[in-house]
Amino acid sequence: MLSSLALSLSYFLVISTNAFAAPQTGTAAGQSIPLVRRVQPVRTVTDWGAWAKGEREALTVKYGGTLAKRSTGTNLITNQNADSSYFGSLAIGTPPVSFNVILDTGSSDLWVADESCVIGCSQIQVFNDQASSTFKNLSQPFQIQYGSGAASGSLVEDVVQMAGFSVPNQVFGAVTRVTSGLLNAPVSGLLGLAWQSIASSGHTPFWETLVTSGAWTDPVMAFQLTRFVNATTVNSEEPGGSFTMGFVNNSLYTGDIDWQNVQSPPTYWILPMTSLTVQGNSITTSSSTSLSAIDTGTTLVGGPSSVIQSIYQQIPGSAPGSGNWQGYWTYPCSTQVNMAISFGGPSWPVAPADFRLTSLSSSQCIGAFFELSTGGSAPSWIVGDTFLKNVYSVFRYNPASVGFAALSDTAVAMNGVDAPPPSATIGSISASATAGGERNAAPLSWGIVWIPLTFAVAFVVGAAWM
């Protein structure tokens, strides 16, 4: 609606134009003056969102309300062992002590190795509960099962900080037994970023406490992951990209974010895989085998045997692997494999460098897509970092959805960059939230048939199957 000042000004300009013009002759009585409406620029959804937010906040302040303190945070992450896993840092206790943890959207529990750990915890930072004045032992057992191993110990409670956020009463697992190879120094544990409904502990995940309390400016967390798998020289730790909470980093993506709603009620971040193309050929996927868990804690992409076989049938010279490579496929290293996946929106390409897991010889390579048999109500596909390195991925609380966008030139330029990895830091707290109550712990009813990888480079299957 035009303000009275704007209307008065418009009226004055119309009158004054005629008042100071040269004398007119032959002007017909009752002459009308045409009013031309200025064409307004088209607003995007983002524009409308920014306007709506500003309008709400302005009126809140105008009429005596108060705005909840909200904030954003960034955690620079580390690429471990040439894209095998990605970890960030958080701090636990009073005074705070930093720990490196795998960032895993395929599970919902936080756990770290305890000082009393007896299996699978050598040469890593461990949690000393006696050194924290805010520590609380809940005297409850904790156990979680992953596709590549398990961890067990006790549930405890303490202050947990990350990227400027703090939860003073976060429940997590202090583990004393870890499957060999599940933790690789300097990683001390894992931060689950899926929903409370699948938490083995039954307690609210760190991220969910923050978002439900209004600590985040926007109800989103996002990932940009780097690629080093095809770099000439790779260290065990390289710059891994970024993990943001409460906002999306506009400099790391281009174009629009394509949002797709996850299954309701949300458990894992599950989307249907609607199309799959290899070498320009479409691969048939049925609705019964299309559900896909978007999982930052998994290195590769696993799917139904029939579809995986169809993928490699489009690649001349491919053959099923044997021994430790059973379920994997070989193909000629001279072949550049072009693949793209859609989850209901645009078709997102997977770089040939990411499709190639490793080489067995100068002529034979192993593909990063492998045959996976899941059990119970588990999704048929586990879509890990092989795909996620190719997009900017956003996980939204409300409405529950996953968004993908094309990486910007700034993000792509970080691939293979010669730079030191980030170091763990403990910064100031910009927002704090209190964790809620416990729900019934999730039963470990999902199963995944997998074969341990016993060769030199370890690959992670990070989803925690119920």
Protein backbone atom coordinates (compact mmCIF):
# COMPACT_ATOMS: atom_id res chain seq x y z
CA MET A 1 0.00 0.00 0.00
CA LEU A 2 1.35 3.48 -0.96
CA SER A 3 1.98 5.81 1.95
CA SER A 4 0.12 9.14 2.18
CA LEU A 5 3.41 10.94 1.53
CA ALA A 6 3.98 8.96 -1.67
CA LEU A 7 0.43 9.70 -2.87
CA SER A 8 0.77 13.42 -2.09
CA LEU A 9 4.09 13.57 -3.91
CA SER A 10 2.65 11.81 -6.94
CA TYR A 11 -0.30 14.21 -7.00
CA PHE A 12 2.01 17.22 -6.67
CA LEU A 13 4.16 16.05 -9.57
CA VAL A 14 1.14 15.57 -11.83
CA ILE A 15 -0.31 19.02 -10.97
CA SER A 16 3.03 20.79 -11.11
CA THR A 17 3.84 19.38 -14.53
CA ASN A 18 0.72 20.95 -16.02
CA ALA A 19 1.06 24.17 -13.98
CA PHE A 20 4.47 25.09 -15.34
CA ALA A 21 4.03 23.83 -18.89
CA ALA A 22 3.61 26.11 -21.91
CA PRO A 23 0.02 27.32 -22.53
CA GLN A 24 -2.06 24.72 -24.31
CA THR A 25 -4.50 25.48 -27.09
CA GLY A 26 -7.41 23.42 -28.21
CA THR A 27 -7.48 21.24 -25.17
CA ALA A 28 -10.67 19.23 -25.09
CA ALA A 29 -12.81 19.49 -22.01
CA GLY A 30 -12.67 16.49 -19.75
CA GLN A 31 -9.29 15.33 -20.98
CA SER A 32 -7.99 12.31 -19.07
CA ILE A 33 -4.43 11.71 -17.96
CA PRO A 34 -3.33 8.04 -18.32
CA LEU A 35 -1.77 6.44 -15.24
CA VAL A 36 0.95 3.93 -15.99
CA ARG A 37 1.75 1.31 -13.35
CA ARG A 38 5.43 0.63 -12.96
CA VAL A 39 6.33 -3.03 -13.55
CA GLN A 40 7.74 -4.53 -10.36
CA PRO A 41 10.74 -6.88 -10.54
CA VAL A 42 9.93 -10.55 -10.04
CA ARG A 43 10.79 -11.73 -6.53
CA THR A 44 12.38 -15.10 -6.01
CA VAL A 45 11.47 -17.43 -3.16
CA THR A 46 14.69 -16.35 -1.45
CA ASP A 47 13.73 -12.68 -1.83
CA TRP A 48 10.29 -13.33 -0.35
CA GLY A 49 11.84 -15.27 2.53
CA ALA A 50 14.22 -12.43 3.37
CA TRP A 51 11.36 -9.92 3.18
CA ALA A 52 9.11 -12.06 5.39
CA LYS A 53 11.83 -12.48 7.99
CA GLY A 54 12.50 -8.73 8.09
CA GLU A 55 8.80 -7.94 8.32
CA ARG A 56 8.26 -10.31 11.23
CA GLU A 57 11.29 -9.06 13.13
CA ALA A 58 10.44 -5.38 12.54
CA LEU A 59 6.89 -5.78 13.82
CA THR A 60 8.06 -7.81 16.80
CA VAL A 61 10.35 -5.00 17.90
CA LYS A 62 7.85 -2.25 17.00
CA TYR A 63 5.17 -3.65 19.26
CA GLY A 64 7.38 -4.36 22.25
CA GLY A 65 8.31 -7.97 21.61
CA THR A 66 11.77 -9.48 21.90
CA LEU A 67 13.65 -11.49 19.32
CA ALA A 68 15.10 -14.82 20.35
CA LYS A 69 18.87 -14.82 20.19
CA ARG A 70 19.83 -16.89 17.18
CA SER A 71 23.12 -17.54 15.57
CA THR A 72 25.12 -19.42 12.96
CA GLY A 73 28.31 -21.43 13.12
CA THR A 74 30.91 -23.00 10.85
CA ASN A 75 33.08 -26.02 11.59
CA LEU A 76 35.99 -26.46 9.19
CA ILE A 77 36.36 -30.17 8.54
CA THR A 78 39.22 -32.49 7.66
CA ASN A 79 39.43 -34.89 4.72
CA GLN A 80 40.99 -38.10 6.03
CA ASN A 81 42.83 -40.64 3.88
CA ALA A 82 41.91 -39.32 0.43
CA ASP A 83 38.14 -38.92 0.89
CA SER A 84 37.71 -42.01 3.09
CA SER A 85 36.06 -39.97 5.84
CA TYR A 86 35.41 -36.40 6.95
CA PHE A 87 35.72 -35.23 10.54
CA GLY A 88 35.14 -32.05 12.50
CA SER A 89 35.93 -30.97 16.04
CA LEU A 90 33.85 -30.34 19.14
CA ALA A 91 34.64 -29.78 22.81
CA ILE A 92 33.36 -31.62 25.88
CA GLY A 93 33.46 -30.83 29.58
CA THR A 94 34.48 -28.05 31.94
CA PRO A 95 37.11 -26.93 31.16
CA PRO A 96 36.41 -27.88 27.51
CA VAL A 97 38.62 -30.44 25.79
CA SER A 98 38.52 -30.81 22.00
CA PHE A 99 37.83 -34.08 20.17
CA ASN A 100 37.78 -34.98 16.49
CA VAL A 101 34.58 -36.74 15.45
CA ILE A 102 33.22 -38.19 12.20
CA LEU A 103 30.25 -36.10 10.99
CA ASP A 104 27.56 -38.66 10.21
CA THR A 105 24.08 -37.94 8.86
CA GLY A 106 23.51 -41.72 8.87
CA SER A 107 23.20 -42.06 12.66
CA SER A 108 21.91 -40.03 15.61
CA ASP A 109 24.22 -40.60 18.59
CA LEU A 110 27.29 -38.75 19.81
CA TRP A 111 30.02 -40.89 21.34
CA VAL A 112 33.72 -40.59 22.10
CA ALA A 113 36.35 -43.00 23.36
CA ASP A 114 36.57 -43.02 27.15
CA GLU A 115 39.80 -43.06 29.15
CA SER A 116 38.95 -46.60 30.25
CA CYS A 117 38.62 -47.85 26.65
CA VAL A 118 40.28 -51.25 26.27
CA ILE A 119 39.67 -52.15 22.61
CA GLY A 120 40.07 -50.10 19.43
CA CYS A 121 41.12 -46.82 21.07
CA SER A 122 44.89 -46.75 20.84
CA GLN A 123 46.76 -43.57 19.92
CA ILE A 124 43.71 -41.30 20.02
CA GLN A 125 42.43 -38.56 22.32
CA VAL A 126 40.21 -40.06 25.04
CA PHE A 127 37.63 -38.52 27.37
CA ASN A 128 38.66 -38.14 31.02
CA ASP A 129 35.44 -37.70 33.01
CA GLN A 130 37.31 -36.92 36.22
CA ALA A 131 38.81 -33.82 34.63
CA SER A 132 35.38 -32.25 34.01
CA SER A 133 33.53 -30.48 36.81
CA THR A 134 30.20 -30.74 34.92
CA PHE A 135 30.37 -34.46 34.18
CA LYS A 136 27.44 -36.68 35.16
CA ASN A 137 27.39 -40.48 34.92
CA LEU A 138 23.94 -41.76 33.96
CA SER A 139 24.92 -45.37 34.78
CA GLN A 140 23.16 -46.71 31.68
CA PRO A 141 24.66 -49.00 29.04
CA PHE A 142 25.24 -47.71 25.51
CA GLN A 143 25.74 -49.71 22.32
CA ILE A 144 25.52 -48.86 18.64
CA GLN A 145 26.00 -50.99 15.53
CA TYR A 146 27.29 -49.71 12.18
CA GLY A 147 27.83 -51.45 8.89
CA SER A 148 31.57 -51.40 9.51
CA GLY A 149 31.67 -52.12 13.24
CA ALA A 150 30.25 -51.32 16.66
CA ALA A 151 30.91 -49.27 19.78
CA SER A 152 29.78 -49.83 23.36
CA GLY A 153 30.17 -48.25 26.78
CA SER A 154 28.03 -46.10 29.09
CA LEU A 155 25.75 -43.10 28.74
CA VAL A 156 27.03 -39.92 30.36
CA GLU A 157 26.11 -36.24 30.38
CA ASP A 158 28.26 -33.12 30.06
CA VAL A 159 28.64 -29.78 28.31
CA VAL A 160 29.20 -30.15 24.54
CA GLN A 161 30.31 -27.22 22.38
CA MET A 162 30.66 -26.93 18.62
CA ALA A 163 30.98 -24.01 16.19
CA GLY A 164 29.95 -21.47 18.81
CA PHE A 165 26.96 -23.47 20.10
CA SER A 166 26.66 -25.18 23.47
CA VAL A 167 24.35 -27.76 25.04
CA PRO A 168 25.05 -27.92 28.81
CA ASN A 169 23.40 -31.29 29.39
CA GLN A 170 24.14 -33.29 26.25
CA VAL A 171 23.85 -37.07 26.68
CA PHE A 172 26.47 -39.09 24.80
CA GLY A 173 28.25 -42.41 24.88
CA ALA A 174 31.59 -42.79 26.64
CA VAL A 175 32.72 -45.95 24.89
CA THR A 176 35.13 -48.55 26.19
CA ARG A 177 35.05 -50.98 23.26
CA VAL A 178 35.28 -50.12 19.57
CA THR A 179 35.57 -52.46 16.60
CA SER A 180 39.15 -52.44 15.34
CA GLY A 181 39.57 -49.99 12.47
CA LEU A 182 36.38 -48.05 13.16
CA LEU A 183 38.43 -45.18 14.61
CA ASN A 184 41.56 -43.96 12.86
CA ALA A 185 43.74 -41.42 14.68
CA PRO A 186 43.21 -38.57 15.28
CA VAL A 187 39.47 -39.35 15.31
CA SER A 188 38.06 -40.07 18.79
CA GLY A 189 34.38 -40.64 18.07
CA LEU A 190 31.35 -39.83 15.99
CA LEU A 191 28.66 -37.12 15.91
CA GLY A 192 25.31 -38.43 14.67
CA LEU A 193 23.30 -35.90 12.64
CA ALA A 194 20.15 -37.91 11.87
CA TRP A 195 16.89 -37.76 13.86
CA GLN A 196 16.18 -38.67 17.48
CA SER A 197 13.75 -41.38 16.37
CA ILE A 198 16.69 -43.66 15.53
CA ALA A 199 19.05 -42.70 18.36
CA SER A 200 20.34 -45.86 20.04
CA SER A 201 20.56 -43.91 23.31
CA GLY A 202 17.01 -42.60 22.98
CA HIS A 203 18.24 -39.06 23.71
CA THR A 204 17.99 -35.93 21.59
CA PRO A 205 20.91 -35.44 19.17
CA PHE A 206 23.08 -32.35 19.62
CA TRP A 207 21.88 -30.71 16.38
CA GLU A 208 18.21 -31.37 17.10
CA THR A 209 18.43 -29.73 20.53
CA LEU A 210 19.90 -26.61 18.94
CA VAL A 211 17.38 -26.32 16.12
CA THR A 212 14.28 -27.03 18.21
CA SER A 213 15.34 -24.46 20.84
CA GLY A 214 15.63 -21.74 18.21
CA ALA A 215 19.39 -21.37 18.60
CA TRP A 216 19.92 -21.41 14.83
CA THR A 217 19.07 -18.48 12.59
CA ASP A 218 17.68 -20.92 10.00
CA PRO A 219 16.75 -24.58 10.64
CA VAL A 220 19.45 -26.01 8.38
CA MET A 221 22.90 -27.58 8.42
CA ALA A 222 25.01 -27.92 5.30
CA PHE A 223 28.09 -29.66 3.91
CA GLN A 224 30.70 -28.89 1.30
CA LEU A 225 33.16 -31.78 0.95
CA THR A 226 36.50 -31.63 -0.86
CA ARG A 227 37.98 -34.15 -3.29
CA PHE A 228 41.53 -35.48 -2.94
CA VAL A 229 41.08 -39.01 -4.31
CA ASN A 230 42.60 -37.97 -7.65
CA ALA A 231 45.28 -35.64 -6.30
CA THR A 232 48.88 -36.39 -7.24
CA THR A 233 50.18 -36.15 -3.68
CA VAL A 234 47.83 -36.73 -0.75
CA ASN A 235 48.48 -36.54 2.96
CA SER A 236 46.50 -38.53 5.50
CA GLU A 237 44.81 -35.26 6.53
CA GLU A 238 43.79 -32.54 4.09
CA PRO A 239 41.35 -29.59 4.14
CA GLY A 240 37.91 -31.20 4.02
CA GLY A 241 35.51 -28.33 3.36
CA SER A 242 32.95 -26.99 5.80
CA PHE A 243 30.00 -27.96 7.96
CA THR A 244 27.66 -25.07 8.79
CA MET A 245 24.83 -24.85 11.30
CA GLY A 246 22.01 -22.32 11.15
CA PHE A 247 22.71 -21.06 7.61
CA VAL A 248 23.88 -21.94 4.13
CA ASN A 249 27.12 -20.46 2.82
CA ASN A 250 26.11 -18.68 -0.39
CA SER A 251 29.70 -18.55 -1.59
CA LEU A 252 29.91 -22.34 -1.82
CA TYR A 253 27.06 -23.00 -4.24
CA THR A 254 25.51 -21.51 -7.34
CA GLY A 255 21.94 -21.42 -8.57
CA ASP A 256 18.99 -22.59 -6.50
CA ILE A 257 18.89 -25.27 -3.82
CA ASP A 258 16.59 -28.08 -4.95
CA TRP A 259 14.60 -29.27 -1.91
CA GLN A 260 13.10 -32.75 -1.63
CA ASN A 261 11.07 -33.79 1.40
CA VAL A 262 12.21 -36.82 3.38
CA GLN A 263 9.92 -39.59 4.53
CA SER A 264 7.59 -38.79 7.41
CA PRO A 265 8.07 -39.29 10.27
CA PRO A 266 11.78 -38.62 9.66
CA THR A 267 14.35 -41.18 10.76
CA TYR A 268 17.33 -41.12 8.42
CA TRP A 269 17.60 -38.48 5.71
CA ILE A 270 15.84 -40.68 3.16
CA LEU A 271 14.99 -39.66 -0.42
CA PRO A 272 13.69 -41.73 -3.34
CA MET A 273 16.18 -42.19 -6.16
CA THR A 274 14.05 -41.32 -9.18
CA SER A 275 16.55 -41.67 -12.02
CA LEU A 276 20.03 -43.00 -12.69
CA THR A 277 22.02 -42.66 -15.89
CA VAL A 278 25.35 -44.21 -16.88
CA GLN A 279 27.20 -43.32 -20.08
CA GLY A 280 24.01 -41.58 -21.22
CA ASN A 281 21.86 -44.68 -20.69
CA SER A 282 18.98 -44.73 -18.23
CA ILE A 283 19.00 -47.43 -15.54
CA THR A 284 15.63 -48.74 -14.37
CA THR A 285 14.92 -48.41 -10.65
CA SER A 286 11.70 -49.59 -9.05
CA SER A 287 9.85 -47.71 -6.33
CA SER A 288 10.39 -50.65 -3.98
CA THR A 289 14.19 -50.31 -4.24
CA SER A 290 14.58 -46.56 -4.69
CA LEU A 291 14.74 -45.31 -1.09
CA SER A 292 18.17 -43.83 -0.37
CA ALA A 293 19.81 -42.72 2.88
CA ILE A 294 21.89 -39.58 2.33
CA ASP A 295 24.85 -40.39 4.55
CA THR A 296 27.94 -38.22 5.07
CA GLY A 297 29.45 -40.93 7.28
CA THR A 298 29.69 -43.45 4.43
CA THR A 299 32.51 -43.28 1.89
CA LEU A 300 30.94 -44.99 -1.13
CA VAL A 301 27.52 -45.72 -2.65
CA GLY A 302 25.84 -49.08 -2.05
CA GLY A 303 22.69 -50.30 -3.76
CA PRO A 304 20.62 -53.33 -4.84
CA SER A 305 22.59 -55.99 -6.69
CA SER A 306 20.33 -55.93 -9.75
CA VAL A 307 20.73 -52.19 -10.24
CA ILE A 308 24.47 -52.20 -9.55
CA GLN A 309 24.89 -54.95 -12.14
CA SER A 310 22.91 -52.87 -14.64
CA ILE A 311 25.22 -49.93 -13.99
CA TYR A 312 28.33 -51.91 -14.89
CA GLN A 313 26.64 -53.50 -17.89
CA GLN A 314 26.82 -50.05 -19.45
CA ILE A 315 30.61 -50.09 -19.09
CA PRO A 316 32.35 -52.36 -21.62
CA GLY A 317 34.99 -54.60 -20.07
CA SER A 318 33.55 -54.48 -16.54
CA ALA A 319 33.48 -57.63 -14.39
CA PRO A 320 32.43 -58.61 -10.86
CA GLY A 321 35.16 -58.62 -8.24
CA SER A 322 36.21 -61.60 -6.13
CA GLY A 323 37.76 -62.23 -2.73
CA ASN A 324 37.84 -59.03 -0.71
CA TRP A 325 36.31 -57.33 -3.73
CA GLN A 326 33.17 -59.46 -3.81
CA GLY A 327 30.20 -57.18 -4.40
CA TYR A 328 32.43 -54.63 -6.14
CA TRP A 329 33.07 -54.40 -9.88
CA THR A 330 36.17 -53.80 -11.97
CA TYR A 331 36.27 -51.83 -15.20
CA PRO A 332 38.98 -50.61 -17.60
CA CYS A 333 40.87 -47.64 -16.18
CA SER A 334 40.93 -46.16 -19.68
CA THR A 335 37.13 -45.71 -19.51
CA GLN A 336 35.78 -42.43 -18.20
CA VAL A 337 32.49 -43.25 -16.52
CA ASN A 338 29.85 -40.53 -16.65
CA MET A 339 27.04 -41.02 -14.15
CA ALA A 340 24.21 -38.85 -12.87
CA ILE A 341 21.60 -39.33 -10.13
CA SER A 342 18.27 -37.61 -9.47
CA PHE A 343 16.21 -37.66 -6.30
CA GLY A 344 13.13 -36.02 -7.80
CA GLY A 345 14.72 -32.81 -9.04
CA PRO A 346 17.73 -32.08 -11.26
CA SER A 347 20.05 -34.87 -12.31
CA TRP A 348 23.33 -34.45 -10.42
CA PRO A 349 26.51 -35.72 -12.12
CA VAL A 350 29.09 -37.85 -10.31
CA ALA A 351 32.62 -36.98 -11.41
CA PRO A 352 34.54 -39.82 -13.13
CA ALA A 353 37.25 -39.31 -10.48
CA ASP A 354 34.72 -40.13 -7.77
CA PHE A 355 33.30 -43.13 -9.61
CA ARG A 356 36.82 -44.59 -9.67
CA LEU A 357 37.54 -45.92 -6.20
CA THR A 358 41.06 -47.18 -6.84
CA SER A 359 43.13 -49.10 -9.36
CA LEU A 360 44.04 -52.78 -9.05
CA SER A 361 46.57 -52.55 -11.86
CA SER A 362 47.55 -50.18 -14.63
CA SER A 363 44.54 -51.33 -16.64
CA GLN A 364 41.88 -52.43 -14.11
CA CYS A 365 40.07 -50.10 -11.71
CA ILE A 366 37.45 -50.64 -9.00
CA GLY A 367 34.17 -48.71 -9.07
CA ALA A 368 32.84 -46.83 -6.03
CA PHE A 369 29.30 -48.20 -6.50
CA PHE A 370 28.93 -51.62 -4.90
CA GLU A 371 26.28 -54.25 -4.23
CA LEU A 372 24.58 -53.86 -0.87
CA SER A 373 21.95 -56.02 0.82
CA THR A 374 20.01 -54.25 3.56
CA GLY A 375 17.51 -55.88 5.88
CA GLY A 376 14.27 -55.02 7.62
CA SER A 377 12.86 -51.62 6.71
CA ALA A 378 16.27 -50.16 5.81
CA PRO A 379 16.57 -48.13 2.60
CA SER A 380 17.92 -50.00 -0.40
CA TRP A 381 20.57 -47.37 -1.17
CA ILE A 382 23.23 -45.79 1.02
CA VAL A 383 24.46 -42.68 -0.77
CA GLY A 384 27.75 -41.52 0.69
CA ASP A 385 30.58 -39.14 -0.06
CA THR A 386 31.23 -40.51 -3.56
CA PHE A 387 28.09 -38.59 -4.52
CA LEU A 388 28.09 -35.84 -1.89
CA LYS A 389 31.48 -34.46 -2.98
CA ASN A 390 29.73 -33.36 -6.17
CA VAL A 391 27.03 -31.17 -4.61
CA TYR A 392 26.42 -28.66 -1.86
CA SER A 393 24.11 -30.59 0.48
CA VAL A 394 21.71 -29.07 2.99
CA PHE A 395 19.72 -30.88 5.68
CA ARG A 396 16.63 -28.99 6.81
CA TYR A 397 14.67 -29.55 10.02
CA ASN A 398 11.37 -27.98 9.00
CA PRO A 399 10.01 -28.91 6.61
CA ALA A 400 12.10 -32.07 6.92
CA SER A 401 13.99 -32.19 3.65
CA VAL A 402 17.34 -32.48 1.90
CA GLY A 403 18.51 -29.88 -0.58
CA PHE A 404 21.20 -30.12 -3.24
CA ALA A 405 22.83 -27.32 -5.21
CA ALA A 406 25.65 -27.06 -7.72
CA LEU A 407 29.05 -26.27 -6.23
CA SER A 408 30.44 -22.80 -6.89
CA ASP A 409 33.83 -22.14 -8.45
CA THR A 410 35.02 -21.19 -4.96
CA ALA A 411 34.09 -24.62 -3.61
CA VAL A 412 35.50 -26.53 -6.58
CA ALA A 413 38.81 -24.65 -6.24
CA MET A 414 39.27 -26.25 -2.81
CA ASN A 415 39.60 -29.74 -4.34
CA GLY A 416 43.17 -30.98 -4.13
CA VAL A 417 44.41 -27.67 -2.78
CA ASP A 418 47.89 -27.61 -1.24
CA ALA A 419 47.09 -26.32 2.25
CA PRO A 420 47.28 -27.51 5.86
CA PRO A 421 44.20 -29.17 7.38
CA PRO A 422 42.21 -27.20 9.95
CA SER A 423 43.14 -27.54 13.60
CA ALA A 424 40.71 -28.06 16.46
CA THR A 425 39.86 -24.83 18.24
CA ILE A 426 37.60 -23.94 21.16
CA GLY A 427 35.92 -20.60 20.51
CA SER A 428 33.40 -18.44 22.33
CA ILE A 429 29.76 -19.50 22.69
CA SER A 430 27.18 -17.48 20.75
CA ALA A 431 24.12 -19.58 21.63
CA SER A 432 23.22 -22.25 24.14
CA ALA A 433 20.35 -24.72 24.37
CA THR A 434 19.20 -27.28 26.92
CA ALA A 435 18.58 -30.85 25.82
CA GLY A 436 15.13 -32.36 26.29
CA GLY A 437 14.02 -35.67 27.69
CA GLU A 438 14.60 -39.22 26.60
CA ARG A 439 12.41 -41.38 24.41
CA ASN A 440 12.54 -45.15 24.22
CA ALA A 441 15.84 -46.28 22.78
CA ALA A 442 15.76 -47.44 19.19
CA PRO A 443 15.87 -51.23 18.80
CA LEU A 444 18.76 -52.59 16.75
CA SER A 445 16.52 -54.34 14.25
CA TRP A 446 17.98 -53.25 10.94
CA GLY A 447 20.69 -55.34 9.39
CA ILE A 448 23.21 -54.84 6.65
CA VAL A 449 25.14 -57.62 4.96
CA TRP A 450 28.68 -56.44 4.45
CA ILE A 451 32.15 -57.82 3.96
CA PRO A 452 35.02 -56.31 5.99
CA LEU A 453 37.61 -54.61 3.83
CA THR A 454 41.01 -55.91 4.87
CA PHE A 455 43.29 -54.07 2.46
CA ALA A 456 45.43 -51.06 3.35
CA VAL A 457 42.97 -48.23 2.83
CA ALA A 458 39.89 -48.31 5.06
CA PHE A 459 36.51 -47.22 3.78
CA VAL A 460 33.69 -46.26 6.07
CA VAL A 461 30.12 -47.50 6.05
CA GLY A 462 28.74 -45.10 8.61
CA ALA A 463 24.99 -45.62 8.83
CA ALA A 464 23.79 -47.05 12.11
CA TRP A 465 21.21 -49.64 11.16
CA MET A 466 18.26 -50.19 13.42
